[in-house]
Structures are given as C-alpha cells and as structure tokens.
Amino acid sequence: MINMKRTQKWLDEQELDATLLATREARQEYQSERLFAQLSKALRHARKASQLSQAEVATLAGIKPRAVDQIETTQGVRSVPMGAIVKVARALHLHIEVTISKEEG
C-alpha cells in the first residue's frame, strides 16, 4: 500500500529543493557541500573498512589525529589542507580523482 503522507512529504521536499536550488549561487553552494560530504564519507568508510582507528591513519599519514577527525566531517574537511587529505587517502591506499567539466546552462 502506498503511504500518501510519505509520498506527499517527498514531493514537498522535491519542490523545496527545486525552489532552493533555483539560483546559480545556491546550486554552486549545494555542489560544493555535496563534494565535501562525498569526500568525507568516502575516506571515513575506507578507514573503517581497513579496520584502522583515526589515530592509526594519522600515524600512517604523518599528520595529527585531529586532522583525520576533521577530514571525516563535512564541515571539518573544509579547514584541512588538501595535502593532508591526500596523505590520508594514500595511507588508505586510495587516490583522489577530480573531474572538471563545463557547467550546463
């Protein structure tokens, strides 16, 4: 059975998203936040899959444990130098790949 209340909420959220992302600036900010969230999540999941603590990753990467904690949060990752993020990725046997493409519209 379809839950109409849940469906209506989803539709309302979609409409809200469309309204909030109507401006170029809003879309750019959303894309930036999404990128940071994806980066944080990927590194956090890789660390956990490797069964390493934040302190262990910090030691392997040659950085402070606080930096690993910051990298694993969407807001914190913004304040960490890209070099430290790359060191964490390398410590987890990962590489970071960036794709730049022309903006639509």
PDB file of N, CA and C in Angstrom:
ATOM      1  N   MET A   1       0.836  -1.180   0.000  1.00  0.00           N
ATOM      2  CA  MET A   1       0.000   0.000   0.000  1.00  0.00           C
ATOM      3  C   MET A   1       0.886   1.250   0.000  1.00  0.00           C
ATOM      4  N   ILE A   2       0.527   2.249  -0.740  1.00  0.00           N
ATOM      5  CA  ILE A   2       1.288   3.487  -0.848  1.00  0.00           C
ATOM      6  C   ILE A   2       0.972   4.379   0.345  1.00  0.00           C
ATOM      7  N   ASN A   3       1.997   4.856   0.982  1.00  0.00           N
ATOM      8  CA  ASN A   3       1.843   5.775   2.096  1.00  0.00           C
ATOM      9  C   ASN A   3       1.773   7.183   1.517  1.00  0.00           C
ATOM     10  N   MET A   4       0.567   7.720   1.416  1.00  0.00           N
ATOM     11  CA  MET A   4       0.365   9.023   0.769  1.00  0.00           C
ATOM     12  C   MET A   4       1.014  10.155   1.550  1.00  0.00           C
ATOM     13  N   LYS A   5       1.029  10.040   2.875  1.00  0.00           N
ATOM     14  CA  LYS A   5       1.651  11.088   3.673  1.00  0.00           C
ATOM     15  C   LYS A   5       3.154  11.147   3.370  1.00  0.00           C
ATOM     16  N   ARG A   6       3.788   9.984   3.298  1.00  0.00           N
ATOM     17  CA  ARG A   6       5.217   9.932   2.987  1.00  0.00           C
ATOM     18  C   ARG A   6       5.463  10.425   1.558  1.00  0.00           C
ATOM     19  N   THR A   7       4.602  10.025   0.625  1.00  0.00           N
ATOM     20  CA  THR A   7       4.739  10.455  -0.773  1.00  0.00           C
ATOM     21  C   THR A   7       4.595  11.962  -0.875  1.00  0.00           C
ATOM     22  N   GLN A   8       3.634  12.532  -0.172  1.00  0.00           N
ATOM     23  CA  GLN A   8       3.426  13.975  -0.196  1.00  0.00           C
ATOM     24  C   GLN A   8       4.642  14.693   0.387  1.00  0.00           C
ATOM     25  N   LYS A   9       5.182  14.154   1.473  1.00  0.00           N
ATOM     26  CA  LYS A   9       6.368  14.766   2.074  1.00  0.00           C
ATOM     27  C   LYS A   9       7.520  14.750   1.076  1.00  0.00           C
ATOM     28  N   TRP A  10       7.716  13.622   0.375  1.00  0.00           N
ATOM     29  CA  TRP A  10       8.780  13.521  -0.607  1.00  0.00           C
ATOM     30  C   TRP A  10       8.573  14.550  -1.712  1.00  0.00           C
ATOM     31  N   LEU A  11       7.339  14.686  -2.193  1.00  0.00           N
ATOM     32  CA  LEU A  11       7.049  15.661  -3.245  1.00  0.00           C
ATOM     33  C   LEU A  11       7.301  17.079  -2.747  1.00  0.00           C
ATOM     34  N   ASP A  12       6.906  17.356  -1.500  1.00  0.00           N
ATOM     35  CA  ASP A  12       7.156  18.676  -0.928  1.00  0.00           C
ATOM     36  C   ASP A  12       8.655  18.952  -0.844  1.00  0.00           C
ATOM     37  N   GLU A  13       9.447  17.944  -0.463  1.00  0.00           N
ATOM     38  CA  GLU A  13      10.889  18.113  -0.380  1.00  0.00           C
ATOM     39  C   GLU A  13      11.482  18.351  -1.763  1.00  0.00           C
ATOM     40  N   GLN A  14      10.971  17.646  -2.766  1.00  0.00           N
ATOM     41  CA  GLN A  14      11.458  17.841  -4.136  1.00  0.00           C
ATOM     42  C   GLN A  14      11.158  19.261  -4.604  1.00  0.00           C
ATOM     43  N   GLU A  15       9.953  19.740  -4.312  1.00  0.00           N
ATOM     44  CA  GLU A  15       9.579  21.095  -4.693  1.00  0.00           C
ATOM     45  C   GLU A  15      10.453  22.119  -3.961  1.00  0.00           C
ATOM     46  N   LEU A  16      10.699  21.860  -2.685  1.00  0.00           N
ATOM     47  CA  LEU A  16      11.549  22.745  -1.901  1.00  0.00           C
ATOM     48  C   LEU A  16      12.965  22.769  -2.481  1.00  0.00           C
ATOM     49  N   ASP A  17      13.491  21.594  -2.795  1.00  0.00           N
ATOM     50  CA  ASP A  17      14.827  21.523  -3.396  1.00  0.00           C
ATOM     51  C   ASP A  17      14.879  22.339  -4.682  1.00  0.00           C
ATOM     52  N   ALA A  18      13.873  22.186  -5.520  1.00  0.00           N
ATOM     53  CA  ALA A  18      13.847  22.907  -6.800  1.00  0.00           C
ATOM     54  C   ALA A  18      13.810  24.415  -6.559  1.00  0.00           C
ATOM     55  N   THR A  19      13.065  24.836  -5.561  1.00  0.00           N
ATOM     56  CA  THR A  19      12.974  26.265  -5.254  1.00  0.00           C
ATOM     57  C   THR A  19      14.287  26.781  -4.687  1.00  0.00           C
ATOM     58  N   LEU A  20      14.853  26.033  -3.753  1.00  0.00           N
ATOM     59  CA  LEU A  20      16.091  26.466  -3.111  1.00  0.00           C
ATOM     60  C   LEU A  20      17.274  26.468  -4.069  1.00  0.00           C
ATOM     61  N   LEU A  21      17.237  25.581  -5.047  1.00  0.00           N
ATOM     62  CA  LEU A  21      18.355  25.481  -5.983  1.00  0.00           C
ATOM     63  C   LEU A  21      18.091  26.248  -7.277  1.00  0.00           C
ATOM     64  N   ALA A  22      17.153  27.164  -7.210  1.00  0.00           N
ATOM     65  CA  ALA A  22      16.768  27.903  -8.403  1.00  0.00           C
ATOM     66  C   ALA A  22      17.831  28.910  -8.845  1.00  0.00           C
ATOM     67  N   THR A  23      18.650  29.374  -7.922  1.00  0.00           N
ATOM     68  CA  THR A  23      19.667  30.348  -8.295  1.00  0.00           C
ATOM     69  C   THR A  23      21.008  29.655  -8.542  1.00  0.00           C
ATOM     70  N   ARG A  24      21.812  30.272  -9.339  1.00  0.00           N
ATOM     71  CA  ARG A  24      23.132  29.730  -9.654  1.00  0.00           C
ATOM     72  C   ARG A  24      23.990  29.604  -8.393  1.00  0.00           C
ATOM     73  N   GLU A  25      23.928  30.624  -7.544  1.00  0.00           N
ATOM     74  CA  GLU A  25      24.716  30.614  -6.310  1.00  0.00           C
ATOM     75  C   GLU A  25      24.307  29.454  -5.408  1.00  0.00           C
ATOM     76  N   ALA A  26      23.019  29.199  -5.312  1.00  0.00           N
ATOM     77  CA  ALA A  26      22.527  28.102  -4.474  1.00  0.00           C
ATOM     78  C   ALA A  26      22.993  26.762  -5.017  1.00  0.00           C
ATOM     79  N   ARG A  27      22.954  26.605  -6.331  1.00  0.00           N
ATOM     80  CA  ARG A  27      23.419  25.355  -6.942  1.00  0.00           C
ATOM     81  C   ARG A  27      24.914  25.149  -6.704  1.00  0.00           C
ATOM     82  N   GLN A  28      25.685  26.229  -6.826  1.00  0.00           N
ATOM     83  CA  GLN A  28      27.126  26.128  -6.605  1.00  0.00           C
ATOM     84  C   GLN A  28      27.429  25.747  -5.155  1.00  0.00           C
ATOM     85  N   GLU A  29      26.735  26.354  -4.218  1.00  0.00           N
ATOM     86  CA  GLU A  29      26.940  26.037  -2.804  1.00  0.00           C
ATOM     87  C   GLU A  29      26.535  24.590  -2.515  1.00  0.00           C
ATOM     88  N   TYR A  30      25.429  24.161  -3.109  1.00  0.00           N
ATOM     89  CA  TYR A  30      24.978  22.777  -2.933  1.00  0.00           C
ATOM     90  C   TYR A  30      26.014  21.802  -3.482  1.00  0.00           C
ATOM     91  N   GLN A  31      26.536  22.081  -4.657  1.00  0.00           N
ATOM     92  CA  GLN A  31      27.533  21.206  -5.268  1.00  0.00           C
ATOM     93  C   GLN A  31      28.804  21.156  -4.429  1.00  0.00           C
ATOM     94  N   SER A  32      29.193  22.285  -3.873  1.00  0.00           N
ATOM     95  CA  SER A  32      30.369  22.340  -3.015  1.00  0.00           C
ATOM     96  C   SER A  32      30.151  21.487  -1.762  1.00  0.00           C
ATOM     97  N   GLU A  33      29.013  21.650  -1.120  1.00  0.00           N
ATOM     98  CA  GLU A  33      28.704  20.866   0.078  1.00  0.00           C
ATOM     99  C   GLU A  33      28.647  19.378  -0.246  1.00  0.00           C
ATOM    100  N   ARG A  34      28.071  19.057  -1.371  1.00  0.00           N
ATOM    101  CA  ARG A  34      27.958  17.653  -1.784  1.00  0.00           C
ATOM    102  C   ARG A  34      29.347  17.046  -2.006  1.00  0.00           C
ATOM    103  N   LEU A  35      30.237  17.793  -2.625  1.00  0.00           N
ATOM    104  CA  LEU A  35      31.597  17.325  -2.874  1.00  0.00           C
ATOM    105  C   LEU A  35      32.321  17.049  -1.556  1.00  0.00           C
ATOM    106  N   PHE A  36      32.233  17.991  -0.620  1.00  0.00           N
ATOM    107  CA  PHE A  36      32.873  17.797   0.684  1.00  0.00           C
ATOM    108  C   PHE A  36      32.274  16.604   1.420  1.00  0.00           C
ATOM    109  N   ALA A  37      30.951  16.454   1.347  1.00  0.00           N
ATOM    110  CA  ALA A  37      30.291  15.327   2.014  1.00  0.00           C
ATOM    111  C   ALA A  37      30.732  13.996   1.412  1.00  0.00           C
ATOM    112  N   GLN A  38      30.830  13.932   0.097  1.00  0.00           N
ATOM    113  CA  GLN A  38      31.260  12.697  -0.569  1.00  0.00           C
ATOM    114  C   GLN A  38      32.696  12.353  -0.207  1.00  0.00           C
ATOM    115  N   LEU A  39      33.563  13.352  -0.162  1.00  0.00           N
ATOM    116  CA  LEU A  39      34.958  13.136   0.186  1.00  0.00           C
ATOM    117  C   LEU A  39      35.073  12.620   1.618  1.00  0.00           C
ATOM    118  N   SER A  40      34.416  13.273   2.536  1.00  0.00           N
ATOM    119  CA  SER A  40      34.444  12.858   3.946  1.00  0.00           C
ATOM    120  C   SER A  40      33.939  11.436   4.114  1.00  0.00           C
ATOM    121  N   LYS A  41      32.817  11.172   3.502  1.00  0.00           N
ATOM    122  CA  LYS A  41      32.191   9.848   3.629  1.00  0.00           C
ATOM    123  C   LYS A  41      33.086   8.754   3.042  1.00  0.00           C
ATOM    124  N   ALA A  42      33.650   9.014   1.880  1.00  0.00           N
ATOM    125  CA  ALA A  42      34.499   8.004   1.231  1.00  0.00           C
ATOM    126  C   ALA A  42      35.721   7.672   2.078  1.00  0.00           C
ATOM    127  N   LEU A  43      36.366   8.687   2.626  1.00  0.00           N
ATOM    128  CA  LEU A  43      37.554   8.447   3.437  1.00  0.00           C
ATOM    129  C   LEU A  43      37.203   7.770   4.758  1.00  0.00           C
ATOM    130  N   ARG A  44      36.104   8.172   5.369  1.00  0.00           N
ATOM    131  CA  ARG A  44      35.655   7.540   6.610  1.00  0.00           C
ATOM    132  C   ARG A  44      35.343   6.064   6.386  1.00  0.00           C
ATOM    133  N   HIS A  45      34.605   5.762   5.313  1.00  0.00           N
ATOM    134  CA  HIS A  45      34.253   4.367   5.016  1.00  0.00           C
ATOM    135  C   HIS A  45      35.497   3.534   4.700  1.00  0.00           C
ATOM    136  N   ALA A  46      36.438   4.113   3.981  1.00  0.00           N
ATOM    137  CA  ALA A  46      37.675   3.387   3.653  1.00  0.00           C
ATOM    138  C   ALA A  46      38.471   3.081   4.913  1.00  0.00           C
ATOM    139  N   ARG A  47      38.516   4.045   5.829  1.00  0.00           N
ATOM    140  CA  ARG A  47      39.242   3.813   7.084  1.00  0.00           C
ATOM    141  C   ARG A  47      38.593   2.692   7.886  1.00  0.00           C
ATOM    142  N   LYS A  48      37.279   2.747   7.996  1.00  0.00           N
ATOM    143  CA  LYS A  48      36.568   1.716   8.758  1.00  0.00           C
ATOM    144  C   LYS A  48      36.691   0.351   8.094  1.00  0.00           C
ATOM    145  N   ALA A  49      36.637   0.318   6.772  1.00  0.00           N
ATOM    146  CA  ALA A  49      36.782  -0.955   6.045  1.00  0.00           C
ATOM    147  C   ALA A  49      38.181  -1.533   6.251  1.00  0.00           C
ATOM    148  N   SER A  50      39.155  -0.672   6.440  1.00  0.00           N
ATOM    149  CA  SER A  50      40.529  -1.115   6.700  1.00  0.00           C
ATOM    150  C   SER A  50      40.735  -1.484   8.170  1.00  0.00           C
ATOM    151  N   GLN A  51      39.702  -1.270   8.964  1.00  0.00           N
ATOM    152  CA  GLN A  51      39.737  -1.568  10.406  1.00  0.00           C
ATOM    153  C   GLN A  51      40.862  -0.820  11.114  1.00  0.00           C
ATOM    154  N   LEU A  52      41.007   0.445  10.735  1.00  0.00           N
ATOM    155  CA  LEU A  52      42.012   1.307  11.350  1.00  0.00           C
ATOM    156  C   LEU A  52      41.326   2.401  12.165  1.00  0.00           C
ATOM    157  N   SER A  53      41.955   2.793  13.254  1.00  0.00           N
ATOM    158  CA  SER A  53      41.445   3.916  14.030  1.00  0.00           C
ATOM    159  C   SER A  53      41.910   5.220  13.370  1.00  0.00           C
ATOM    160  N   GLN A  54      41.309   6.318  13.782  1.00  0.00           N
ATOM    161  CA  GLN A  54      41.754   7.615  13.273  1.00  0.00           C
ATOM    162  C   GLN A  54      43.206   7.863  13.653  1.00  0.00           C
ATOM    163  N   ALA A  55      43.587   7.461  14.857  1.00  0.00           N
ATOM    164  CA  ALA A  55      44.969   7.653  15.314  1.00  0.00           C
ATOM    165  C   ALA A  55      45.945   6.841  14.459  1.00  0.00           C
ATOM    166  N   GLU A  56      45.559   5.633  14.105  1.00  0.00           N
ATOM    167  CA  GLU A  56      46.422   4.794  13.265  1.00  0.00           C
ATOM    168  C   GLU A  56      46.592   5.402  11.872  1.00  0.00           C
ATOM    169  N   VAL A  57      45.512   5.897  11.305  1.00  0.00           N
ATOM    170  CA  VAL A  57      45.591   6.535   9.985  1.00  0.00           C
ATOM    171  C   VAL A  57      46.464   7.783  10.066  1.00  0.00           C
ATOM    172  N   ALA A  58      46.309   8.540  11.141  1.00  0.00           N
ATOM    173  CA  ALA A  58      47.110   9.748  11.321  1.00  0.00           C
ATOM    174  C   ALA A  58      48.601   9.399  11.353  1.00  0.00           C
ATOM    175  N   THR A  59      48.944   8.344  12.070  1.00  0.00           N
ATOM    176  CA  THR A  59      50.340   7.910  12.137  1.00  0.00           C
ATOM    177  C   THR A  59      50.851   7.503  10.759  1.00  0.00           C
ATOM    178  N   LEU A  60      50.053   6.710  10.044  1.00  0.00           N
ATOM    179  CA  LEU A  60      50.451   6.274   8.703  1.00  0.00           C
ATOM    180  C   LEU A  60      50.602   7.454   7.740  1.00  0.00           C
ATOM    181  N   ALA A  61      49.725   8.447   7.910  1.00  0.00           N
ATOM    182  CA  ALA A  61      49.727   9.608   7.013  1.00  0.00           C
ATOM    183  C   ALA A  61      50.733  10.677   7.444  1.00  0.00           C
ATOM    184  N   GLY A  62      51.225  10.582   8.674  1.00  0.00           N
ATOM    185  CA  GLY A  62      52.161  11.591   9.162  1.00  0.00           C
ATOM    186  C   GLY A  62      51.490  12.912   9.496  1.00  0.00           C
ATOM    187  N   ILE A  63      50.239  12.844   9.964  1.00  0.00           N
ATOM    188  CA  ILE A  63      49.503  14.053  10.339  1.00  0.00           C
ATOM    189  C   ILE A  63      48.934  13.864  11.743  1.00  0.00           C
ATOM    190  N   LYS A  64      48.349  14.916  12.288  1.00  0.00           N
ATOM    191  CA  LYS A  64      47.769  14.859  13.632  1.00  0.00           C
ATOM    192  C   LYS A  64      46.414  14.135  13.591  1.00  0.00           C
ATOM    193  N   PRO A  65      46.089  13.388  14.650  1.00  0.00           N
ATOM    194  CA  PRO A  65      44.790  12.698  14.704  1.00  0.00           C
ATOM    195  C   PRO A  65      43.602  13.648  14.548  1.00  0.00           C
ATOM    196  N   ARG A  66      43.738  14.866  15.052  1.00  0.00           N
ATOM    197  CA  ARG A  66      42.650  15.852  14.924  1.00  0.00           C
ATOM    198  C   ARG A  66      42.344  16.113  13.444  1.00  0.00           C
ATOM    199  N   ALA A  67      43.349  16.114  12.604  1.00  0.00           N
ATOM    200  CA  ALA A  67      43.137  16.358  11.172  1.00  0.00           C
ATOM    201  C   ALA A  67      42.312  15.232  10.556  1.00  0.00           C
ATOM    202  N   VAL A  68      42.563  13.989  10.970  1.00  0.00           N
ATOM    203  CA  VAL A  68      41.778  12.864  10.444  1.00  0.00           C
ATOM    204  C   VAL A  68      40.326  13.021  10.880  1.00  0.00           C
ATOM    205  N   ASP A  69      40.111  13.406  12.126  1.00  0.00           N
ATOM    206  CA  ASP A  69      38.750  13.636  12.617  1.00  0.00           C
ATOM    207  C   ASP A  69      38.062  14.720  11.789  1.00  0.00           C
ATOM    208  N   GLN A  70      38.766  15.791  11.510  1.00  0.00           N
ATOM    209  CA  GLN A  70      38.189  16.883  10.719  1.00  0.00           C
ATOM    210  C   GLN A  70      37.883  16.434   9.293  1.00  0.00           C
ATOM    211  N   ILE A  71      38.764  15.656   8.712  1.00  0.00           N
ATOM    212  CA  ILE A  71      38.552  15.174   7.342  1.00  0.00           C
ATOM    213  C   ILE A  71      37.290  14.331   7.252  1.00  0.00           C
ATOM    214  N   GLU A  72      36.983  13.621   8.313  1.00  0.00           N
ATOM    215  CA  GLU A  72      35.826  12.730   8.296  1.00  0.00           C
ATOM    216  C   GLU A  72      34.503  13.432   8.597  1.00  0.00           C
ATOM    217  N   THR A  73      34.522  14.752   8.733  1.00  0.00           N
ATOM    218  CA  THR A  73      33.281  15.504   8.899  1.00  0.00           C
ATOM    219  C   THR A  73      33.168  16.510   7.764  1.00  0.00           C
ATOM    220  N   THR A  74      31.964  16.694   7.271  1.00  0.00           N
ATOM    221  CA  THR A  74      31.745  17.576   6.126  1.00  0.00           C
ATOM    222  C   THR A  74      32.222  18.992   6.402  1.00  0.00           C
ATOM    223  N   GLN A  75      31.934  19.523   7.566  1.00  0.00           N
ATOM    224  CA  GLN A  75      32.355  20.894   7.880  1.00  0.00           C
ATOM    225  C   GLN A  75      33.857  20.968   8.148  1.00  0.00           C
ATOM    226  N   GLY A  76      34.384  19.956   8.830  1.00  0.00           N
ATOM    227  CA  GLY A  76      35.801  19.964   9.177  1.00  0.00           C
ATOM    228  C   GLY A  76      36.720  19.830   7.991  1.00  0.00           C
ATOM    229  N   VAL A  77      36.316  19.052   7.001  1.00  0.00           N
ATOM    230  CA  VAL A  77      37.179  18.802   5.839  1.00  0.00           C
ATOM    231  C   VAL A  77      37.518  20.099   5.111  1.00  0.00           C
ATOM    232  N   ARG A  78      36.660  21.085   5.223  1.00  0.00           N
ATOM    233  CA  ARG A  78      36.905  22.379   4.575  1.00  0.00           C
ATOM    234  C   ARG A  78      38.141  23.082   5.143  1.00  0.00           C
ATOM    235  N   SER A  79      38.457  22.809   6.417  1.00  0.00           N
ATOM    236  CA  SER A  79      39.547  23.527   7.070  1.00  0.00           C
ATOM    237  C   SER A  79      40.889  22.793   7.013  1.00  0.00           C
ATOM    238  N   VAL A  80      40.902  21.623   6.407  1.00  0.00           N
ATOM    239  CA  VAL A  80      42.123  20.817   6.346  1.00  0.00           C
ATOM    240  C   VAL A  80      42.811  21.051   4.998  1.00  0.00           C
ATOM    241  N   PRO A  81      44.125  21.274   5.008  1.00  0.00           N
ATOM    242  CA  PRO A  81      44.829  21.461   3.734  1.00  0.00           C
ATOM    243  C   PRO A  81      44.683  20.231   2.826  1.00  0.00           C
ATOM    244  N   MET A  82      44.601  20.469   1.534  1.00  0.00           N
ATOM    245  CA  MET A  82      44.438  19.381   0.575  1.00  0.00           C
ATOM    246  C   MET A  82      45.577  18.362   0.708  1.00  0.00           C
ATOM    247  N   GLY A  83      46.764  18.822   1.043  1.00  0.00           N
ATOM    248  CA  GLY A  83      47.896  17.907   1.219  1.00  0.00           C
ATOM    249  C   GLY A  83      47.624  16.855   2.287  1.00  0.00           C
ATOM    250  N   ALA A  84      46.980  17.255   3.379  1.00  0.00           N
ATOM    251  CA  ALA A  84      46.654  16.307   4.451  1.00  0.00           C
ATOM    252  C   ALA A  84      45.598  15.305   3.982  1.00  0.00           C
ATOM    253  N   ILE A  85      44.655  15.767   3.193  1.00  0.00           N
ATOM    254  CA  ILE A  85      43.612  14.877   2.660  1.00  0.00           C
ATOM    255  C   ILE A  85      44.249  13.837   1.745  1.00  0.00           C
ATOM    256  N   VAL A  86      45.167  14.263   0.915  1.00  0.00           N
ATOM    257  CA  VAL A  86      45.868  13.351   0.010  1.00  0.00           C
ATOM    258  C   VAL A  86      46.695  12.346   0.810  1.00  0.00           C
ATOM    259  N   LYS A  87      47.343  12.787   1.881  1.00  0.00           N
ATOM    260  CA  LYS A  87      48.119  11.874   2.731  1.00  0.00           C
ATOM    261  C   LYS A  87      47.229  10.801   3.345  1.00  0.00           C
ATOM    262  N   VAL A  88      46.046  11.186   3.785  1.00  0.00           N
ATOM    263  CA  VAL A  88      45.109  10.208   4.352  1.00  0.00           C
ATOM    264  C   VAL A  88      44.679   9.217   3.276  1.00  0.00           C
ATOM    265  N   ALA A  89      44.363   9.719   2.105  1.00  0.00           N
ATOM    266  CA  ALA A  89      43.964   8.831   1.007  1.00  0.00           C
ATOM    267  C   ALA A  89      45.080   7.839   0.697  1.00  0.00           C
ATOM    268  N   ARG A  90      46.310   8.322   0.629  1.00  0.00           N
ATOM    269  CA  ARG A  90      47.456   7.435   0.339  1.00  0.00           C
ATOM    270  C   ARG A  90      47.651   6.412   1.455  1.00  0.00           C
ATOM    271  N   ALA A  91      47.473   6.836   2.700  1.00  0.00           N
ATOM    272  CA  ALA A  91      47.613   5.909   3.829  1.00  0.00           C
ATOM    273  C   ALA A  91      46.578   4.789   3.749  1.00  0.00           C
ATOM    274  N   LEU A  92      45.447   5.082   3.114  1.00  0.00           N
ATOM    275  CA  LEU A  92      44.378   4.093   2.945  1.00  0.00           C
ATOM    276  C   LEU A  92      44.463   3.395   1.586  1.00  0.00           C
ATOM    277  N   HIS A  93      45.565   3.618   0.871  1.00  0.00           N
ATOM    278  CA  HIS A  93      45.802   3.025  -0.451  1.00  0.00           C
ATOM    279  C   HIS A  93      44.738   3.463  -1.459  1.00  0.00           C
ATOM    280  N   LEU A  94      44.399   4.737  -1.397  1.00  0.00           N
ATOM    281  CA  LEU A  94      43.421   5.332  -2.308  1.00  0.00           C
ATOM    282  C   LEU A  94      44.073   6.487  -3.049  1.00  0.00           C
ATOM    283  N   HIS A  95      43.457   6.880  -4.137  1.00  0.00           N
ATOM    284  CA  HIS A  95      43.850   8.121  -4.793  1.00  0.00           C
ATOM    285  C   HIS A  95      42.590   8.945  -4.992  1.00  0.00           C
ATOM    286  N   ILE A  96      42.770  10.243  -5.056  1.00  0.00           N
ATOM    287  CA  ILE A  96      41.640  11.153  -5.251  1.00  0.00           C
ATOM    288  C   ILE A  96      41.640  11.575  -6.705  1.00  0.00           C
ATOM    289  N   GLU A  97      40.509  11.423  -7.335  1.00  0.00           N
ATOM    290  CA  GLU A  97      40.367  11.782  -8.738  1.00  0.00           C
ATOM    291  C   GLU A  97      39.343  12.903  -8.859  1.00  0.00           C
ATOM    292  N   VAL A  98      39.690  13.938  -9.578  1.00  0.00           N
ATOM    293  CA  VAL A  98      38.806  15.086  -9.754  1.00  0.00           C
ATOM    294  C   VAL A  98      38.469  15.209 -11.231  1.00  0.00           C
ATOM    295  N   THR A  99      37.216  15.391 -11.516  1.00  0.00           N
ATOM    296  CA  THR A  99      36.777  15.606 -12.887  1.00  0.00           C
ATOM    297  C   THR A  99      36.225  17.025 -12.986  1.00  0.00           C
ATOM    298  N   ILE A 100      36.712  17.761 -13.937  1.00  0.00           N
ATOM    299  CA  ILE A 100      36.220  19.105 -14.164  1.00  0.00           C
ATOM    300  C   ILE A 100      35.546  19.108 -15.536  1.00  0.00           C
ATOM    301  N   SER A 101      34.320  19.590 -15.551  1.00  0.00           N
ATOM    302  CA  SER A 101      33.580  19.633 -16.814  1.00  0.00           C
ATOM    303  C   SER A 101      32.873  20.973 -16.943  1.00  0.00           C
ATOM    304  N   LYS A 102      32.490  21.280 -18.149  1.00  0.00           N
ATOM    305  CA  LYS A 102      31.808  22.537 -18.406  1.00  0.00           C
ATOM    306  C   LYS A 102      30.431  22.515 -17.760  1.00  0.00           C
ATOM    307  N   GLU A 103      30.097  23.627 -17.131  1.00  0.00           N
ATOM    308  CA  GLU A 103      28.807  23.764 -16.460  1.00  0.00           C
ATOM    309  C   GLU A 103      27.689  23.863 -17.489  1.00  0.00           C
ATOM    310  N   GLU A 104      26.595  23.179 -17.192  1.00  0.00           N
ATOM    311  CA  GLU A 104      25.434  23.235 -18.087  1.00  0.00           C
ATOM    312  C   GLU A 104      24.667  24.522 -17.834  1.00  0.00           C
ATOM    313  N   GLY A 105      24.030  25.004 -18.882  1.00  0.00           N
ATOM    314  CA  GLY A 105      23.162  26.173 -18.727  1.00  0.00           C
ATOM    315  C   GLY A 105      23.822  27.410 -18.928  1.00  0.00           C
TER     316      GLY A 105
END
